């Protein structure tokens, strides 16, 4: 089977799963979308714009941590000792990771960088930019879900450092995060490390502004998923009939984004032979971005088969990159 056939088969499987998840989500109460489907080509572009917004403090805070504390990070992970694989879940454009990659190359360490993402377009762009900016880097992109890729990689005995940056763990609810991380720890060896970006609980106004920017980029990002359903599954969502509405609960730490139906309406998705009725004011649960306290993180690590080695903070303590080892 040639590359074109493989890509065609992968796309067909993706559309099948996308359709099943949309059908399942629209049958729930409240109706629900799955945030992993935000990232088509347009969604990728919008998210890159979000990360550059003044209100979206997360990117700048994590960039500061990696820039200012990279030497300590490498020392704490004992990366000078032997060859290793640097495996990144959801690498995006690599903006922050390149700080670490550049330092590792300058330190002449023996490693391979393996970015994993379900978005092929993101991986192609990342590989091209890495070849241009860091031509000496050994890079092997993998377009798969995280655990399938990690299962394939586990068979070798090379030490692994897994990067899960950008507060991606926040896409899981507090109840679901331990299950995800336990699956991860089960696939890691005793001398492997996890470096995970986590957004911290803080002033609710600061958090809400990051998910409801004045230029409406986050709004467009959420509405783009409706457009994607229209384009790929034959939907007829009118995005002007839905309004972006984020909320933050300072007790639980959950930031949630909803799309609210502005009026009573029925939406059809032809490929699913599905009609979806919305009442005026009815929400679609679009995504969660969970925030944590330091105590929350310690409890999460313990539930998931990890120990907290060290937490690294930006100067304002808005964000942490937390380093975990296997328990």
Protein backbone atom coordinates (compact mmCIF):
# COMPACT_ATOMS: atom_id res chain seq x y z
CA UNK A 1 0.00 0.00 0.00
CA UNK A 2 1.50 3.35 -1.04
CA UNK A 3 1.54 6.53 1.06
CA UNK A 4 -1.46 8.03 -0.72
CA UNK A 5 -3.57 4.94 -0.04
CA UNK A 6 -2.52 4.89 3.62
CA UNK A 7 -3.41 8.57 4.06
CA UNK A 8 -6.75 8.00 2.32
CA UNK A 9 -7.54 5.09 4.63
CA UNK A 10 -6.51 7.09 7.71
CA UNK A 11 -8.75 9.98 6.63
CA UNK A 12 -11.71 7.64 6.08
CA UNK A 13 -11.21 6.14 9.54
CA UNK A 14 -10.96 9.62 11.04
CA UNK A 15 -14.22 10.77 9.41
CA UNK A 16 -15.95 7.61 10.63
CA UNK A 17 -14.83 8.27 14.21
CA UNK A 18 -15.63 11.99 13.94
CA UNK A 19 -19.16 11.15 12.79
CA UNK A 20 -19.66 8.63 15.60
CA UNK A 21 -18.46 11.10 18.23
CA UNK A 22 -20.68 13.91 16.91
CA UNK A 23 -23.71 11.61 16.91
CA UNK A 24 -22.94 10.41 20.43
CA UNK A 25 -22.27 13.93 21.73
CA UNK A 26 -25.46 15.36 20.25
CA UNK A 27 -27.51 12.64 21.98
CA UNK A 28 -26.27 13.65 25.44
CA UNK A 29 -27.92 16.04 27.87
CA UNK A 30 -26.51 18.63 27.73
CA UNK A 31 -25.33 18.27 24.14
CA UNK A 32 -21.57 17.94 23.86
CA UNK A 33 -18.69 18.33 21.39
CA UNK A 34 -15.21 16.82 21.78
CA UNK A 35 -12.38 19.34 21.86
CA UNK A 36 -9.94 17.09 19.98
CA UNK A 37 -11.90 17.95 16.82
CA UNK A 38 -11.17 21.69 17.11
CA UNK A 39 -7.92 21.21 15.24
CA UNK A 40 -8.54 21.10 11.52
CA UNK A 41 -6.39 23.42 9.40
CA UNK A 42 -8.48 26.49 10.28
CA UNK A 43 -8.66 25.44 13.93
CA UNK A 44 -4.88 25.09 14.05
CA UNK A 45 -4.51 28.62 12.66
CA UNK A 46 -6.96 30.06 15.17
CA UNK A 47 -5.29 28.34 18.09
CA UNK A 48 -1.90 29.72 17.06
CA UNK A 49 -3.55 33.17 17.12
CA UNK A 50 -5.03 32.47 20.56
CA UNK A 51 -1.59 31.65 21.95
CA UNK A 52 -0.33 35.07 20.82
CA UNK A 53 -3.14 37.05 22.47
CA UNK A 54 -2.32 39.39 25.36
CA UNK A 55 -5.11 37.83 27.43
CA UNK A 56 -3.86 34.28 26.90
CA UNK A 57 -1.13 34.36 29.56
CA UNK A 58 -0.46 30.60 29.46
CA UNK A 59 1.93 30.62 26.49
CA UNK A 60 4.11 33.47 27.75
CA UNK A 61 4.24 32.03 31.27
CA UNK A 62 5.35 28.59 30.09
CA UNK A 63 7.81 30.07 27.60
CA UNK A 64 9.38 31.98 30.49
CA UNK A 65 9.72 28.80 32.56
CA UNK A 66 11.42 26.85 29.76
CA UNK A 67 13.66 29.77 28.79
CA UNK A 68 14.83 30.67 32.28
CA UNK A 69 15.01 27.21 33.87
CA UNK A 70 16.05 24.90 31.03
CA UNK A 71 19.47 24.17 32.56
CA UNK A 72 17.90 23.14 35.87
CA UNK A 73 15.27 21.05 34.09
CA UNK A 74 17.90 19.09 32.17
CA UNK A 75 19.95 18.59 35.33
CA UNK A 76 16.93 17.39 37.33
CA UNK A 77 16.03 14.86 34.62
CA UNK A 78 19.64 13.60 34.53
CA UNK A 79 19.69 13.83 30.73
CA UNK A 80 23.47 14.02 30.51
CA UNK A 81 23.87 10.33 31.37
CA UNK A 82 22.63 8.37 28.32
CA UNK A 83 20.74 8.60 25.00
CA UNK A 84 17.04 9.36 25.32
CA UNK A 85 13.87 10.03 23.35
CA UNK A 86 12.05 13.33 23.87
CA UNK A 87 8.41 12.50 23.14
CA UNK A 88 5.90 15.34 22.94
CA UNK A 89 2.13 14.93 23.07
CA UNK A 90 0.27 17.60 21.07
CA UNK A 91 3.35 19.49 19.92
CA UNK A 92 1.57 22.27 18.01
CA UNK A 93 3.98 24.68 16.32
CA UNK A 94 6.81 23.86 18.75
CA UNK A 95 7.21 27.51 19.79
CA UNK A 96 8.03 26.69 23.43
CA UNK A 97 9.61 23.30 22.85
CA UNK A 98 12.22 24.78 20.51
CA UNK A 99 13.75 26.56 23.51
CA UNK A 100 14.45 23.18 25.10
CA UNK A 101 15.45 21.50 21.83
CA UNK A 102 17.96 24.23 21.04
CA UNK A 103 19.53 23.92 24.49
CA UNK A 104 19.75 20.12 24.24
CA UNK A 105 21.49 20.39 20.86
CA UNK A 106 23.91 23.04 22.15
CA UNK A 107 24.69 20.71 25.07
CA UNK A 108 25.53 17.98 22.52
CA UNK A 109 23.19 15.45 24.10
CA UNK A 110 22.28 12.26 22.27
CA UNK A 111 18.52 12.32 21.74
CA UNK A 112 15.69 11.94 19.23
CA UNK A 113 12.66 14.24 19.22
CA UNK A 114 9.33 12.48 18.58
CA UNK A 115 6.31 14.82 18.31
CA UNK A 116 2.95 13.04 18.42
CA UNK A 117 -0.26 14.68 17.21
CA UNK A 118 -3.52 13.59 15.62
CA UNK A 119 -3.24 16.56 13.24
CA UNK A 120 -1.07 15.62 10.25
CA UNK A 121 -1.03 19.22 9.02
CA UNK A 122 0.44 20.41 12.33
CA UNK A 123 3.18 17.76 12.20
CA UNK A 124 4.13 18.62 8.61
CA UNK A 125 4.44 22.31 9.48
CA UNK A 126 6.40 21.52 12.63
CA UNK A 127 8.84 19.20 10.84
CA UNK A 128 9.43 21.80 8.10
CA UNK A 129 10.14 24.56 10.63
CA UNK A 130 12.46 22.29 12.64
CA UNK A 131 14.45 21.33 9.55
CA UNK A 132 14.91 25.02 8.81
CA UNK A 133 15.68 26.24 12.35
CA UNK A 134 17.40 23.18 13.85
CA UNK A 135 18.86 21.20 10.93
CA UNK A 136 20.94 18.94 13.21
CA UNK A 137 17.91 17.73 15.14
CA UNK A 138 16.87 14.09 14.80
CA UNK A 139 13.09 14.30 14.50
CA UNK A 140 10.49 11.56 13.88
CA UNK A 141 6.87 12.82 13.82
CA UNK A 142 4.09 10.31 14.52
CA UNK A 143 0.49 11.01 13.46
CA UNK A 144 -1.39 8.82 15.93
CA UNK A 145 -3.25 9.03 19.19
CA UNK A 146 -0.94 9.28 22.18
CA UNK A 147 -1.27 5.81 23.63
CA UNK A 148 -1.01 3.93 20.34
CA UNK A 149 2.21 5.78 19.59
CA UNK A 150 3.58 5.24 23.09
CA UNK A 151 2.76 1.53 22.96
CA UNK A 152 4.80 1.27 19.75
CA UNK A 153 7.71 3.12 21.34
CA UNK A 154 7.69 1.20 24.62
CA UNK A 155 9.27 -1.87 23.03
CA UNK A 156 12.71 -0.25 22.97
CA UNK A 157 14.77 0.26 26.12
CA UNK A 158 15.79 3.85 25.39
CA UNK A 159 15.03 6.28 28.19
CA UNK A 160 12.04 8.53 27.54
CA UNK A 161 11.07 12.02 28.59
CA UNK A 162 7.44 12.77 27.79
CA UNK A 163 6.41 16.39 27.31
CA UNK A 164 2.75 17.27 27.81
CA UNK A 165 2.96 21.06 27.72
CA UNK A 166 0.55 23.94 27.22
CA UNK A 167 -1.93 22.91 29.94
CA UNK A 168 -3.24 20.09 27.72
CA UNK A 169 -4.01 18.07 30.86
CA UNK A 170 -6.65 20.74 31.50
CA UNK A 171 -8.70 19.29 28.63
CA UNK A 172 -9.61 16.44 30.98
CA UNK A 173 -12.07 16.80 33.85
CA UNK A 174 -10.73 16.29 37.36
CA UNK A 175 -12.43 12.89 37.40
CA UNK A 176 -10.97 11.78 34.04
CA UNK A 177 -7.40 13.09 34.41
CA UNK A 178 -6.24 10.29 36.78
CA UNK A 179 -7.39 7.62 34.32
CA UNK A 180 -5.53 9.24 31.43
CA UNK A 181 -2.34 9.68 33.47
CA UNK A 182 -2.54 6.13 34.85
CA UNK A 183 -2.63 4.81 31.29
CA UNK A 184 0.45 6.92 30.67
CA UNK A 185 2.37 5.75 33.76
CA UNK A 186 1.54 2.12 32.88
CA UNK A 187 3.38 2.59 29.57
CA UNK A 188 6.46 4.23 31.09
CA UNK A 189 9.61 2.64 32.47
CA UNK A 190 11.01 3.36 35.97
CA UNK A 191 13.68 5.82 34.75
CA UNK A 192 11.34 7.78 32.43
CA UNK A 193 10.04 11.27 33.23
CA UNK A 194 6.91 13.28 32.49
CA UNK A 195 7.12 17.08 32.19
CA UNK A 196 3.61 18.49 32.19
CA UNK A 197 2.35 22.06 31.79
CA UNK A 198 -0.43 22.99 34.22
CA UNK A 199 -2.42 26.19 34.57
CA UNK A 200 -2.85 27.21 38.21
CA UNK A 201 -5.90 28.50 40.06
CA UNK A 202 -5.78 32.30 40.29
CA UNK A 203 -7.87 35.48 39.95
CA UNK A 204 -11.06 34.39 38.12
CA UNK A 205 -11.04 37.58 36.01
CA UNK A 206 -7.58 36.75 34.63
CA UNK A 207 -8.73 33.24 33.72
CA UNK A 208 -12.01 34.31 32.10
CA UNK A 209 -10.30 36.96 29.96
CA UNK A 210 -8.07 34.24 28.48
CA UNK A 211 -11.16 32.39 27.20
CA UNK A 212 -13.21 35.40 26.11
CA UNK A 213 -10.78 37.75 24.36
CA UNK A 214 -11.85 41.17 23.13
CA UNK A 215 -11.06 40.31 19.48
CA UNK A 216 -13.33 37.24 19.46
CA UNK A 217 -10.62 34.76 18.42
CA UNK A 218 -11.65 32.17 21.04
CA UNK A 219 -15.26 32.60 19.94
CA UNK A 220 -14.25 31.91 16.32
CA UNK A 221 -12.21 28.89 17.47
CA UNK A 222 -15.26 27.31 19.11
CA UNK A 223 -17.63 28.16 16.25
CA UNK A 224 -15.15 26.69 13.75
CA UNK A 225 -16.04 23.21 14.98
CA UNK A 226 -19.60 23.76 13.75
CA UNK A 227 -18.18 24.81 10.38
CA UNK A 228 -16.07 21.66 10.34
CA UNK A 229 -19.16 19.51 10.88
CA UNK A 230 -20.82 21.37 8.00
CA UNK A 231 -17.86 20.76 5.67
CA UNK A 232 -16.93 17.19 6.58
CA UNK A 233 -20.23 15.65 7.70
CA UNK A 234 -22.78 17.60 5.66
CA UNK A 235 -24.18 19.70 8.50
CA UNK A 236 -26.15 22.91 8.15
CA UNK A 237 -25.21 24.72 11.38
CA UNK A 238 -25.68 28.49 11.08
CA UNK A 239 -22.87 29.79 13.29
CA UNK A 240 -24.65 33.15 13.65
CA UNK A 241 -27.36 31.33 15.61
CA UNK A 242 -24.91 30.39 18.40
CA UNK A 243 -23.09 32.50 20.99
CA UNK A 244 -19.80 31.73 22.76
CA UNK A 245 -20.18 31.65 26.58
CA UNK A 246 -17.28 30.74 28.94
CA UNK A 247 -17.59 30.31 32.73
CA UNK A 248 -15.10 29.64 35.54
CA UNK A 249 -15.77 27.94 38.89
CA UNK A 250 -13.08 29.04 41.36
CA UNK A 251 -13.94 26.20 43.75
CA UNK A 252 -13.51 23.27 41.35
CA UNK A 253 -11.05 25.11 39.08
CA UNK A 254 -13.06 24.19 35.97
CA UNK A 255 -13.24 26.66 33.08
CA UNK A 256 -15.93 25.58 30.62
CA UNK A 257 -16.87 26.94 27.21
CA UNK A 258 -20.37 26.62 25.81
CA UNK A 259 -22.07 27.56 22.57
CA UNK A 260 -25.59 28.79 23.34
CA UNK A 261 -28.40 28.47 20.82
CA UNK A 262 -29.81 31.97 20.29
CA UNK A 263 -33.21 30.67 19.19
CA UNK A 264 -35.23 27.51 18.76
CA UNK A 265 -33.86 25.72 15.70
CA UNK A 266 -33.29 22.35 14.05
CA UNK A 267 -29.92 21.42 12.55
CA UNK A 268 -29.48 18.60 10.03
CA UNK A 269 -26.34 16.50 9.50
CA UNK A 270 -26.89 14.65 6.23
CA UNK A 271 -24.14 12.03 6.52
CA UNK A 272 -25.60 10.92 9.87
CA UNK A 273 -29.22 11.20 8.71
CA UNK A 274 -29.63 13.20 11.90
CA UNK A 275 -31.87 16.10 12.90
CA UNK A 276 -30.91 17.95 16.08
CA UNK A 277 -33.43 20.17 17.83
CA UNK A 278 -32.25 23.10 19.94
CA UNK A 279 -34.36 25.14 22.32
CA UNK A 280 -33.62 28.86 22.62
CA UNK A 281 -30.87 29.23 25.23
CA UNK A 282 -29.84 25.56 25.05
CA UNK A 283 -26.07 25.00 25.50
CA UNK A 284 -23.54 22.80 23.74
CA UNK A 285 -20.72 21.83 26.11
CA UNK A 286 -17.65 22.56 23.96
CA UNK A 287 -14.59 22.14 26.19
CA UNK A 288 -13.14 22.21 29.67
CA UNK A 289 -9.89 23.78 30.81
CA UNK A 290 -9.18 22.54 34.31
CA UNK A 291 -7.05 24.63 36.68
CA UNK A 292 -5.13 23.14 39.62
CA UNK A 293 -3.63 24.11 42.95
CA UNK A 294 -0.24 22.67 43.98
CA UNK A 295 -2.04 20.37 46.44
CA UNK A 296 -4.35 19.23 43.62
CA UNK A 297 -1.27 18.31 41.56
CA UNK A 298 0.31 16.29 44.36
CA UNK A 299 -2.96 14.36 44.80
CA UNK A 300 -3.28 13.83 41.03
CA UNK A 301 0.26 12.45 40.76
CA UNK A 302 -0.32 10.06 43.65
CA UNK A 303 -3.58 8.74 42.14
CA UNK A 304 -1.89 8.19 38.77
CA UNK A 305 1.24 6.24 39.71
CA UNK A 306 3.64 9.21 39.78
CA UNK A 307 5.76 11.16 42.25
CA UNK A 308 6.22 14.92 41.94
CA UNK A 309 9.95 15.58 41.51
CA UNK A 310 9.76 19.37 41.24
CA UNK A 311 7.45 22.22 40.19
CA UNK A 312 8.87 25.07 38.07
CA UNK A 313 7.04 28.43 38.07
CA UNK A 314 6.96 31.64 36.06
CA UNK A 315 7.72 34.84 37.99
CA UNK A 316 4.01 35.57 38.63
CA UNK A 317 3.15 31.97 39.64
CA UNK A 318 0.40 31.84 37.02
CA UNK A 319 1.56 28.50 35.61
CA UNK A 320 3.76 25.53 36.43
CA UNK A 321 5.70 22.93 34.51
CA UNK A 322 5.65 19.97 36.87
CA UNK A 323 8.22 17.16 36.61
CA UNK A 324 7.03 13.70 37.59
CA UNK A 325 8.75 10.32 37.90
CA UNK A 326 7.24 6.84 38.15
CA UNK A 327 6.21 5.87 41.68
